[in-house]
Amino acid sequence: MVPHVLRVDGVLVYHAELAARIDRGELLEPGGEEREIRACAVHACELIAERMSVPPRVLDTWLWNRGQESRYKAIPRHRCRTVYY
């Protein structure tokens, strides 16, 4: 959910082809692009938390809760089937 919120809010910008695949609801393969999305989200959250002087875990909760709003739910988020999280 956090990478999705960051994308909708313009913090993360995906390559047009990747964005189109996500918007069509295609499943991403585990690893590769999906791992990079998550890694970039973690990095962005660390930088945002530092700027806001809040612990990253607090920011994570804020972003997760924000993602429950209808504006975020109306837009497809990236999906990947894996047992690793």
N, C-alpha and C. Protein backbone atom coordinates (compact mmCIF):
# COMPACT_ATOMS: atom_id res chain seq x y z
N MET A 1 0.82 -1.19 0.00
CA MET A 1 0.00 0.00 0.00
C MET A 1 0.87 1.27 0.00
N VAL A 2 1.96 1.25 0.75
CA VAL A 2 2.80 2.45 0.86
C VAL A 2 3.38 2.86 -0.50
N PRO A 3 3.94 1.94 -1.29
CA PRO A 3 4.43 2.37 -2.61
C PRO A 3 3.31 2.97 -3.47
N HIS A 4 2.11 2.42 -3.34
CA HIS A 4 0.97 2.93 -4.11
C HIS A 4 0.64 4.36 -3.72
N VAL A 5 0.60 4.63 -2.43
CA VAL A 5 0.31 5.99 -1.96
C VAL A 5 1.39 6.95 -2.45
N LEU A 6 2.63 6.53 -2.36
CA LEU A 6 3.72 7.39 -2.83
C LEU A 6 3.62 7.65 -4.33
N ARG A 7 3.19 6.64 -5.08
CA ARG A 7 3.02 6.83 -6.53
C ARG A 7 1.88 7.80 -6.81
N VAL A 8 0.74 7.58 -6.18
CA VAL A 8 -0.43 8.45 -6.42
C VAL A 8 -0.10 9.89 -6.03
N ASP A 9 0.67 10.07 -4.97
CA ASP A 9 1.03 11.42 -4.51
C ASP A 9 2.20 12.03 -5.29
N GLY A 10 2.74 11.28 -6.27
CA GLY A 10 3.79 11.83 -7.13
C GLY A 10 5.20 11.71 -6.58
N VAL A 11 5.37 10.99 -5.47
CA VAL A 11 6.71 10.82 -4.91
C VAL A 11 7.49 9.80 -5.72
N LEU A 12 6.84 8.69 -6.07
CA LEU A 12 7.45 7.68 -6.93
C LEU A 12 6.88 7.82 -8.33
N VAL A 13 7.76 7.83 -9.32
CA VAL A 13 7.34 7.91 -10.72
C VAL A 13 7.90 6.69 -11.43
N TYR A 14 7.00 5.92 -12.03
CA TYR A 14 7.40 4.68 -12.70
C TYR A 14 7.60 4.92 -14.19
N HIS A 15 8.42 4.08 -14.80
CA HIS A 15 8.56 4.07 -16.25
C HIS A 15 7.17 3.87 -16.84
N ALA A 16 6.88 4.52 -17.96
CA ALA A 16 5.55 4.50 -18.55
C ALA A 16 5.04 3.08 -18.80
N GLU A 17 5.92 2.20 -19.27
CA GLU A 17 5.51 0.82 -19.56
C GLU A 17 5.12 0.08 -18.27
N LEU A 18 5.90 0.25 -17.22
CA LEU A 18 5.59 -0.38 -15.94
C LEU A 18 4.28 0.19 -15.38
N ALA A 19 4.13 1.49 -15.44
CA ALA A 19 2.90 2.13 -14.94
C ALA A 19 1.68 1.61 -15.69
N ALA A 20 1.79 1.44 -16.99
CA ALA A 20 0.66 0.95 -17.79
C ALA A 20 0.31 -0.48 -17.39
N ARG A 21 1.31 -1.31 -17.15
CA ARG A 21 1.04 -2.69 -16.74
C ARG A 21 0.34 -2.73 -15.38
N ILE A 22 0.79 -1.90 -14.47
CA ILE A 22 0.15 -1.83 -13.16
C ILE A 22 -1.28 -1.33 -13.29
N ASP A 23 -1.47 -0.30 -14.09
CA ASP A 23 -2.80 0.28 -14.29
C ASP A 23 -3.77 -0.71 -14.94
N ARG A 24 -3.24 -1.65 -15.71
CA ARG A 24 -4.09 -2.69 -16.32
C ARG A 24 -4.37 -3.84 -15.35
N GLY A 25 -3.73 -3.80 -14.19
CA GLY A 25 -3.95 -4.83 -13.19
C GLY A 25 -3.12 -6.09 -13.39
N GLU A 26 -2.08 -6.00 -14.22
CA GLU A 26 -1.23 -7.17 -14.44
C GLU A 26 -0.41 -7.48 -13.19
N LEU A 27 -0.25 -8.76 -12.92
CA LEU A 27 0.61 -9.18 -11.80
C LEU A 27 2.06 -8.99 -12.18
N LEU A 28 2.84 -8.47 -11.26
CA LEU A 28 4.29 -8.38 -11.45
C LEU A 28 4.92 -9.66 -10.94
N GLU A 29 5.97 -10.09 -11.57
CA GLU A 29 6.71 -11.25 -11.11
C GLU A 29 7.47 -10.89 -9.83
N PRO A 30 7.60 -11.86 -8.91
CA PRO A 30 8.41 -11.58 -7.71
C PRO A 30 9.84 -11.23 -8.10
N GLY A 31 10.45 -10.34 -7.31
CA GLY A 31 11.82 -9.91 -7.60
C GLY A 31 11.80 -8.76 -8.59
N GLY A 32 12.93 -8.47 -9.18
CA GLY A 32 13.05 -7.45 -10.23
C GLY A 32 12.32 -6.16 -9.96
N GLU A 33 11.37 -5.84 -10.83
CA GLU A 33 10.64 -4.57 -10.75
C GLU A 33 9.91 -4.41 -9.42
N GLU A 34 9.28 -5.49 -8.96
CA GLU A 34 8.51 -5.40 -7.73
C GLU A 34 9.42 -5.11 -6.54
N ARG A 35 10.57 -5.74 -6.50
CA ARG A 35 11.53 -5.48 -5.42
C ARG A 35 12.03 -4.04 -5.49
N GLU A 36 12.27 -3.56 -6.70
CA GLU A 36 12.74 -2.19 -6.87
C GLU A 36 11.69 -1.19 -6.40
N ILE A 37 10.42 -1.44 -6.70
CA ILE A 37 9.34 -0.57 -6.24
C ILE A 37 9.38 -0.47 -4.72
N ARG A 38 9.48 -1.61 -4.06
CA ARG A 38 9.48 -1.62 -2.59
C ARG A 38 10.74 -0.95 -2.02
N ALA A 39 11.87 -1.21 -2.64
CA ALA A 39 13.12 -0.60 -2.16
C ALA A 39 13.07 0.92 -2.30
N CYS A 40 12.56 1.39 -3.42
CA CYS A 40 12.45 2.85 -3.62
C CYS A 40 11.48 3.46 -2.62
N ALA A 41 10.41 2.73 -2.32
CA ALA A 41 9.44 3.23 -1.34
C ALA A 41 10.08 3.32 0.05
N VAL A 42 10.86 2.32 0.43
CA VAL A 42 11.54 2.35 1.72
C VAL A 42 12.51 3.53 1.77
N HIS A 43 13.28 3.71 0.72
CA HIS A 43 14.23 4.82 0.67
C HIS A 43 13.52 6.16 0.76
N ALA A 44 12.44 6.32 -0.01
CA ALA A 44 11.68 7.57 0.01
C ALA A 44 11.11 7.82 1.40
N CYS A 45 10.59 6.78 2.04
CA CYS A 45 10.02 6.94 3.38
C CYS A 45 11.08 7.35 4.39
N GLU A 46 12.26 6.78 4.27
CA GLU A 46 13.34 7.16 5.19
C GLU A 46 13.67 8.65 5.03
N LEU A 47 13.74 9.12 3.79
CA LEU A 47 14.04 10.54 3.55
C LEU A 47 12.92 11.44 4.03
N ILE A 48 11.68 11.05 3.77
CA ILE A 48 10.52 11.85 4.21
C ILE A 48 10.46 11.89 5.73
N ALA A 49 10.64 10.75 6.37
CA ALA A 49 10.59 10.70 7.84
C ALA A 49 11.66 11.60 8.45
N GLU A 50 12.84 11.57 7.86
CA GLU A 50 13.91 12.43 8.36
C GLU A 50 13.54 13.91 8.23
N ARG A 51 13.00 14.28 7.08
CA ARG A 51 12.61 15.69 6.87
C ARG A 51 11.49 16.12 7.81
N MET A 52 10.59 15.18 8.11
CA MET A 52 9.44 15.50 8.97
C MET A 52 9.75 15.30 10.45
N SER A 53 10.94 14.79 10.74
CA SER A 53 11.35 14.51 12.13
C SER A 53 10.37 13.57 12.83
N VAL A 54 9.99 12.51 12.13
CA VAL A 54 9.14 11.48 12.72
C VAL A 54 9.82 10.13 12.49
N PRO A 55 9.58 9.17 13.35
CA PRO A 55 10.14 7.83 13.11
C PRO A 55 9.54 7.23 11.83
N PRO A 56 10.32 6.51 11.06
CA PRO A 56 9.80 5.90 9.84
C PRO A 56 8.57 5.02 10.08
N ARG A 57 8.50 4.36 11.23
CA ARG A 57 7.34 3.50 11.51
C ARG A 57 6.06 4.33 11.64
N VAL A 58 6.17 5.55 12.14
CA VAL A 58 5.01 6.44 12.24
C VAL A 58 4.58 6.88 10.85
N LEU A 59 5.53 7.27 10.03
CA LEU A 59 5.22 7.66 8.65
C LEU A 59 4.57 6.50 7.91
N ASP A 60 5.10 5.29 8.10
CA ASP A 60 4.53 4.11 7.46
C ASP A 60 3.06 3.95 7.82
N THR A 61 2.72 4.13 9.09
CA THR A 61 1.33 4.03 9.53
C THR A 61 0.47 5.11 8.90
N TRP A 62 0.98 6.33 8.86
CA TRP A 62 0.24 7.43 8.23
C TRP A 62 -0.05 7.12 6.77
N LEU A 63 0.96 6.65 6.05
CA LEU A 63 0.78 6.37 4.63
C LEU A 63 -0.15 5.18 4.41
N TRP A 64 -0.04 4.17 5.25
CA TRP A 64 -0.92 3.01 5.14
C TRP A 64 -2.38 3.45 5.34
N ASN A 65 -2.62 4.24 6.39
CA ASN A 65 -3.97 4.73 6.65
C ASN A 65 -4.47 5.62 5.53
N ARG A 66 -3.61 6.45 5.00
CA ARG A 66 -3.98 7.31 3.87
C ARG A 66 -4.43 6.48 2.67
N GLY A 67 -3.76 5.34 2.48
CA GLY A 67 -4.09 4.47 1.37
C GLY A 67 -5.47 3.85 1.46
N GLN A 68 -6.13 3.95 2.60
CA GLN A 68 -7.48 3.42 2.76
C GLN A 68 -8.54 4.39 2.22
N GLU A 69 -8.13 5.61 1.90
CA GLU A 69 -9.08 6.59 1.38
C GLU A 69 -9.53 6.20 -0.03
N SER A 70 -10.75 6.57 -0.36
CA SER A 70 -11.34 6.18 -1.65
C SER A 70 -10.52 6.68 -2.84
N ARG A 71 -9.89 7.81 -2.72
CA ARG A 71 -9.08 8.35 -3.82
C ARG A 71 -7.95 7.39 -4.19
N TYR A 72 -7.37 6.73 -3.21
CA TYR A 72 -6.28 5.79 -3.48
C TYR A 72 -6.82 4.42 -3.92
N LYS A 73 -7.94 4.03 -3.34
CA LYS A 73 -8.52 2.74 -3.69
C LYS A 73 -9.07 2.73 -5.12
N ALA A 74 -9.36 3.90 -5.67
CA ALA A 74 -9.91 3.99 -7.02
C ALA A 74 -8.87 3.74 -8.11
N ILE A 75 -7.60 3.74 -7.74
CA ILE A 75 -6.50 3.57 -8.70
C ILE A 75 -5.83 2.23 -8.43
N PRO A 76 -5.61 1.41 -9.49
CA PRO A 76 -4.97 0.11 -9.26
C PRO A 76 -3.57 0.27 -8.68
N ARG A 77 -3.24 -0.60 -7.74
CA ARG A 77 -1.89 -0.60 -7.18
C ARG A 77 -1.15 -1.82 -7.70
N HIS A 78 0.15 -1.81 -7.56
CA HIS A 78 0.91 -2.95 -8.09
C HIS A 78 0.60 -4.20 -7.27
N ARG A 79 0.59 -5.31 -7.97
CA ARG A 79 0.28 -6.58 -7.34
C ARG A 79 1.34 -7.61 -7.71
N CYS A 80 1.63 -8.47 -6.74
CA CYS A 80 2.63 -9.52 -6.94
C CYS A 80 2.29 -10.66 -5.98
N ARG A 81 2.26 -11.85 -6.48
CA ARG A 81 2.02 -13.02 -5.62
C ARG A 81 3.37 -13.62 -5.21
N THR A 82 3.58 -13.62 -3.88
CA THR A 82 4.82 -14.18 -3.35
C THR A 82 4.59 -14.58 -1.89
N VAL A 83 5.42 -15.44 -1.38
CA VAL A 83 5.32 -15.86 0.02
C VAL A 83 6.28 -15.09 0.92
N TYR A 84 7.01 -14.13 0.37
CA TYR A 84 8.07 -13.48 1.12
C TYR A 84 7.65 -12.27 1.94
N TYR A 85 6.38 -11.88 1.91
CA TYR A 85 5.91 -10.82 2.81
C TYR A 85 4.42 -10.92 2.96
